[in-house]
Amino acid sequence: MAWSPEAEARVERIPSFIRPMARKAIERYAEGKGYRTITETVMDEARAALGM
């Protein structure tokens, strides 16, 4: 799954111990919605949908 530079920078702000789990959850959400690139907008949608 491709990540935009802005989304990559944003995911780096997530604490390191939870980052892998958050990244996987966002990627699963994006795949389920048919997205090919994760952007900050996709991250916001995933966050709202997943209660993050």
PDB file of N, CA and C in Angstrom:
ATOM      1  N   MET A   1       0.861  -1.175   0.000  1.00  0.00           N
ATOM      2  CA  MET A   1       0.000   0.000   0.000  1.00  0.00           C
ATOM      3  C   MET A   1       0.900   1.229   0.000  1.00  0.00           C
ATOM      4  N   ALA A   2       0.598   2.162  -0.874  1.00  0.00           N
ATOM      5  CA  ALA A   2       1.373   3.400  -0.964  1.00  0.00           C
ATOM      6  C   ALA A   2       0.881   4.401   0.083  1.00  0.00           C
ATOM      7  N   TRP A   3       1.806   5.163   0.608  1.00  0.00           N
ATOM      8  CA  TRP A   3       1.501   6.213   1.578  1.00  0.00           C
ATOM      9  C   TRP A   3       1.999   7.540   1.019  1.00  0.00           C
ATOM     10  N   SER A   4       1.197   8.582   1.137  1.00  0.00           N
ATOM     11  CA  SER A   4       1.652   9.908   0.720  1.00  0.00           C
ATOM     12  C   SER A   4       2.719  10.373   1.714  1.00  0.00           C
ATOM     13  N   PRO A   5       3.606  11.266   1.289  1.00  0.00           N
ATOM     14  CA  PRO A   5       4.635  11.772   2.214  1.00  0.00           C
ATOM     15  C   PRO A   5       4.030  12.410   3.466  1.00  0.00           C
ATOM     16  N   GLU A   6       2.910  13.106   3.307  1.00  0.00           N
ATOM     17  CA  GLU A   6       2.257  13.744   4.457  1.00  0.00           C
ATOM     18  C   GLU A   6       1.710  12.705   5.434  1.00  0.00           C
ATOM     19  N   ALA A   7       1.126  11.642   4.893  1.00  0.00           N
ATOM     20  CA  ALA A   7       0.599  10.577   5.751  1.00  0.00           C
ATOM     21  C   ALA A   7       1.738   9.847   6.453  1.00  0.00           C
ATOM     22  N   GLU A   8       2.843   9.620   5.750  1.00  0.00           N
ATOM     23  CA  GLU A   8       4.020   8.981   6.367  1.00  0.00           C
ATOM     24  C   GLU A   8       4.525   9.825   7.530  1.00  0.00           C
ATOM     25  N   ALA A   9       4.624  11.128   7.317  1.00  0.00           N
ATOM     26  CA  ALA A   9       5.096  12.017   8.378  1.00  0.00           C
ATOM     27  C   ALA A   9       4.144  11.987   9.569  1.00  0.00           C
ATOM     28  N   ARG A  10       2.876  11.938   9.279  1.00  0.00           N
ATOM     29  CA  ARG A  10       1.874  11.915  10.353  1.00  0.00           C
ATOM     30  C   ARG A  10       1.926  10.612  11.144  1.00  0.00           C
ATOM     31  N   VAL A  11       2.105   9.497  10.463  1.00  0.00           N
ATOM     32  CA  VAL A  11       2.152   8.214  11.166  1.00  0.00           C
ATOM     33  C   VAL A  11       3.406   8.126  12.044  1.00  0.00           C
ATOM     34  N   GLU A  12       4.446   8.844  11.676  1.00  0.00           N
ATOM     35  CA  GLU A  12       5.666   8.856  12.490  1.00  0.00           C
ATOM     36  C   GLU A  12       5.446   9.546  13.834  1.00  0.00           C
ATOM     37  N   ARG A  13       4.401  10.340  13.951  1.00  0.00           N
ATOM     38  CA  ARG A  13       4.097  11.011  15.222  1.00  0.00           C
ATOM     39  C   ARG A  13       3.364  10.090  16.200  1.00  0.00           C
ATOM     40  N   ILE A  14       2.904   8.938  15.715  1.00  0.00           N
ATOM     41  CA  ILE A  14       2.246   7.954  16.581  1.00  0.00           C
ATOM     42  C   ILE A  14       3.328   7.301  17.436  1.00  0.00           C
ATOM     43  N   PRO A  15       3.090   7.096  18.729  1.00  0.00           N
ATOM     44  CA  PRO A  15       4.102   6.459  19.578  1.00  0.00           C
ATOM     45  C   PRO A  15       4.583   5.133  18.979  1.00  0.00           C
ATOM     46  N   SER A  16       5.883   4.908  19.061  1.00  0.00           N
ATOM     47  CA  SER A  16       6.506   3.766  18.383  1.00  0.00           C
ATOM     48  C   SER A  16       5.929   2.417  18.798  1.00  0.00           C
ATOM     49  N   PHE A  17       5.494   2.275  20.052  1.00  0.00           N
ATOM     50  CA  PHE A  17       4.999   0.974  20.500  1.00  0.00           C
ATOM     51  C   PHE A  17       3.652   0.614  19.876  1.00  0.00           C
ATOM     52  N   ILE A  18       2.909   1.593  19.401  1.00  0.00           N
ATOM     53  CA  ILE A  18       1.589   1.334  18.819  1.00  0.00           C
ATOM     54  C   ILE A  18       1.589   1.535  17.308  1.00  0.00           C
ATOM     55  N   ARG A  19       2.638   2.133  16.779  1.00  0.00           N
ATOM     56  CA  ARG A  19       2.693   2.482  15.355  1.00  0.00           C
ATOM     57  C   ARG A  19       2.424   1.308  14.419  1.00  0.00           C
ATOM     58  N   PRO A  20       3.054   0.127  14.609  1.00  0.00           N
ATOM     59  CA  PRO A  20       2.784  -0.981  13.673  1.00  0.00           C
ATOM     60  C   PRO A  20       1.312  -1.392  13.651  1.00  0.00           C
ATOM     61  N   MET A  21       0.678  -1.429  14.811  1.00  0.00           N
ATOM     62  CA  MET A  21      -0.728  -1.808  14.872  1.00  0.00           C
ATOM     63  C   MET A  21      -1.604  -0.741  14.202  1.00  0.00           C
ATOM     64  N   ALA A  22      -1.299   0.518  14.439  1.00  0.00           N
ATOM     65  CA  ALA A  22      -2.064   1.607  13.827  1.00  0.00           C
ATOM     66  C   ALA A  22      -1.902   1.586  12.314  1.00  0.00           C
ATOM     67  N   ARG A  23      -0.673   1.361  11.859  1.00  0.00           N
ATOM     68  CA  ARG A  23      -0.406   1.324  10.417  1.00  0.00           C
ATOM     69  C   ARG A  23      -1.213   0.208   9.756  1.00  0.00           C
ATOM     70  N   LYS A  24      -1.222  -0.972  10.368  1.00  0.00           N
ATOM     71  CA  LYS A  24      -1.977  -2.104   9.809  1.00  0.00           C
ATOM     72  C   LYS A  24      -3.477  -1.809   9.789  1.00  0.00           C
ATOM     73  N   ALA A  25      -3.974  -1.219  10.854  1.00  0.00           N
ATOM     74  CA  ALA A  25      -5.403  -0.900  10.922  1.00  0.00           C
ATOM     75  C   ALA A  25      -5.786   0.102   9.836  1.00  0.00           C
ATOM     76  N   ILE A  26      -4.950   1.099   9.628  1.00  0.00           N
ATOM     77  CA  ILE A  26      -5.220   2.097   8.588  1.00  0.00           C
ATOM     78  C   ILE A  26      -5.166   1.445   7.215  1.00  0.00           C
ATOM     79  N   GLU A  27      -4.181   0.583   6.998  1.00  0.00           N
ATOM     80  CA  GLU A  27      -4.064  -0.098   5.700  1.00  0.00           C
ATOM     81  C   GLU A  27      -5.257  -1.012   5.440  1.00  0.00           C
ATOM     82  N   ARG A  28      -5.710  -1.742   6.454  1.00  0.00           N
ATOM     83  CA  ARG A  28      -6.892  -2.606   6.290  1.00  0.00           C
ATOM     84  C   ARG A  28      -8.123  -1.776   5.952  1.00  0.00           C
ATOM     85  N   TYR A  29      -8.281  -0.662   6.640  1.00  0.00           N
ATOM     86  CA  TYR A  29      -9.408   0.227   6.359  1.00  0.00           C
ATOM     87  C   TYR A  29      -9.340   0.706   4.912  1.00  0.00           C
ATOM     88  N   ALA A  30      -8.180   1.174   4.492  1.00  0.00           N
ATOM     89  CA  ALA A  30      -8.009   1.708   3.136  1.00  0.00           C
ATOM     90  C   ALA A  30      -8.282   0.636   2.083  1.00  0.00           C
ATOM     91  N   GLU A  31      -7.779  -0.571   2.308  1.00  0.00           N
ATOM     92  CA  GLU A  31      -8.020  -1.667   1.363  1.00  0.00           C
ATOM     93  C   GLU A  31      -9.505  -1.974   1.265  1.00  0.00           C
ATOM     94  N   GLY A  32     -10.179  -1.993   2.394  1.00  0.00           N
ATOM     95  CA  GLY A  32     -11.612  -2.268   2.414  1.00  0.00           C
ATOM     96  C   GLY A  32     -12.432  -1.228   1.673  1.00  0.00           C
ATOM     97  N   LYS A  33     -11.936  -0.011   1.639  1.00  0.00           N
ATOM     98  CA  LYS A  33     -12.622   1.079   0.943  1.00  0.00           C
ATOM     99  C   LYS A  33     -12.149   1.230  -0.499  1.00  0.00           C
ATOM    100  N   GLY A  34     -11.175   0.426  -0.907  1.00  0.00           N
ATOM    101  CA  GLY A  34     -10.698   0.482  -2.286  1.00  0.00           C
ATOM    102  C   GLY A  34      -9.662   1.556  -2.568  1.00  0.00           C
ATOM    103  N   TYR A  35      -9.099   2.143  -1.522  1.00  0.00           N
ATOM    104  CA  TYR A  35      -8.061   3.154  -1.723  1.00  0.00           C
ATOM    105  C   TYR A  35      -6.751   2.482  -2.119  1.00  0.00           C
ATOM    106  N   ARG A  36      -5.987   3.148  -2.944  1.00  0.00           N
ATOM    107  CA  ARG A  36      -4.674   2.639  -3.348  1.00  0.00           C
ATOM    108  C   ARG A  36      -3.542   3.388  -2.670  1.00  0.00           C
ATOM    109  N   THR A  37      -3.829   4.604  -2.233  1.00  0.00           N
ATOM    110  CA  THR A  37      -2.832   5.431  -1.552  1.00  0.00           C
ATOM    111  C   THR A  37      -3.435   5.959  -0.264  1.00  0.00           C
ATOM    112  N   ILE A  38      -2.666   5.884   0.796  1.00  0.00           N
ATOM    113  CA  ILE A  38      -3.121   6.413   2.072  1.00  0.00           C
ATOM    114  C   ILE A  38      -2.677   7.864   2.164  1.00  0.00           C
ATOM    115  N   THR A  39      -3.657   8.726   2.326  1.00  0.00           N
ATOM    116  CA  THR A  39      -3.421  10.159   2.480  1.00  0.00           C
ATOM    117  C   THR A  39      -3.863  10.565   3.880  1.00  0.00           C
ATOM    118  N   GLU A  40      -3.661  11.816   4.215  1.00  0.00           N
ATOM    119  CA  GLU A  40      -4.124  12.293   5.511  1.00  0.00           C
ATOM    120  C   GLU A  40      -5.647  12.199   5.618  1.00  0.00           C
ATOM    121  N   THR A  41      -6.341  12.389   4.514  1.00  0.00           N
ATOM    122  CA  THR A  41      -7.804  12.271   4.511  1.00  0.00           C
ATOM    123  C   THR A  41      -8.223  10.844   4.837  1.00  0.00           C
ATOM    124  N   VAL A  42      -7.547   9.873   4.236  1.00  0.00           N
ATOM    125  CA  VAL A  42      -7.840   8.467   4.522  1.00  0.00           C
ATOM    126  C   VAL A  42      -7.553   8.178   5.992  1.00  0.00           C
ATOM    127  N   MET A  43      -6.458   8.726   6.513  1.00  0.00           N
ATOM    128  CA  MET A  43      -6.132   8.531   7.927  1.00  0.00           C
ATOM    129  C   MET A  43      -7.235   9.091   8.818  1.00  0.00           C
ATOM    130  N   ASP A  44      -7.757  10.264   8.470  1.00  0.00           N
ATOM    131  CA  ASP A  44      -8.848  10.860   9.254  1.00  0.00           C
ATOM    132  C   ASP A  44     -10.097   9.989   9.207  1.00  0.00           C
ATOM    133  N   GLU A  45     -10.415   9.465   8.021  1.00  0.00           N
ATOM    134  CA  GLU A  45     -11.577   8.580   7.876  1.00  0.00           C
ATOM    135  C   GLU A  45     -11.399   7.321   8.721  1.00  0.00           C
ATOM    136  N   ALA A  46     -10.217   6.720   8.637  1.00  0.00           N
ATOM    137  CA  ALA A  46      -9.939   5.499   9.395  1.00  0.00           C
ATOM    138  C   ALA A  46     -10.023   5.771  10.888  1.00  0.00           C
ATOM    139  N   ARG A  47      -9.470   6.876  11.289  1.00  0.00           N
ATOM    140  CA  ARG A  47      -9.485   7.241  12.708  1.00  0.00           C
ATOM    141  C   ARG A  47     -10.919   7.365  13.223  1.00  0.00           C
ATOM    142  N   ALA A  48     -11.768   8.016  12.457  1.00  0.00           N
ATOM    143  CA  ALA A  48     -13.170   8.178  12.859  1.00  0.00           C
ATOM    144  C   ALA A  48     -13.901   6.840  12.862  1.00  0.00           C
ATOM    145  N   ALA A  49     -13.679   6.039  11.827  1.00  0.00           N
ATOM    146  CA  ALA A  49     -14.378   4.758  11.694  1.00  0.00           C
ATOM    147  C   ALA A  49     -13.927   3.747  12.740  1.00  0.00           C
ATOM    148  N   LEU A  50     -12.643   3.791  13.091  1.00  0.00           N
ATOM    149  CA  LEU A  50     -12.089   2.799  14.005  1.00  0.00           C
ATOM    150  C   LEU A  50     -12.032   3.285  15.447  1.00  0.00           C
ATOM    151  N   GLY A  51     -12.436   4.511  15.668  1.00  0.00           N
ATOM    152  CA  GLY A  51     -12.426   5.042  17.027  1.00  0.00           C
ATOM    153  C   GLY A  51     -11.036   5.280  17.575  1.00  0.00           C
ATOM    154  N   MET A  52     -10.133   5.668  16.704  1.00  0.00           N
ATOM    155  CA  MET A  52      -8.747   5.914  17.154  1.00  0.00           C
ATOM    156  C   MET A  52      -8.584   7.343  17.615  1.00  0.00           C
TER     157      MET A  52
END
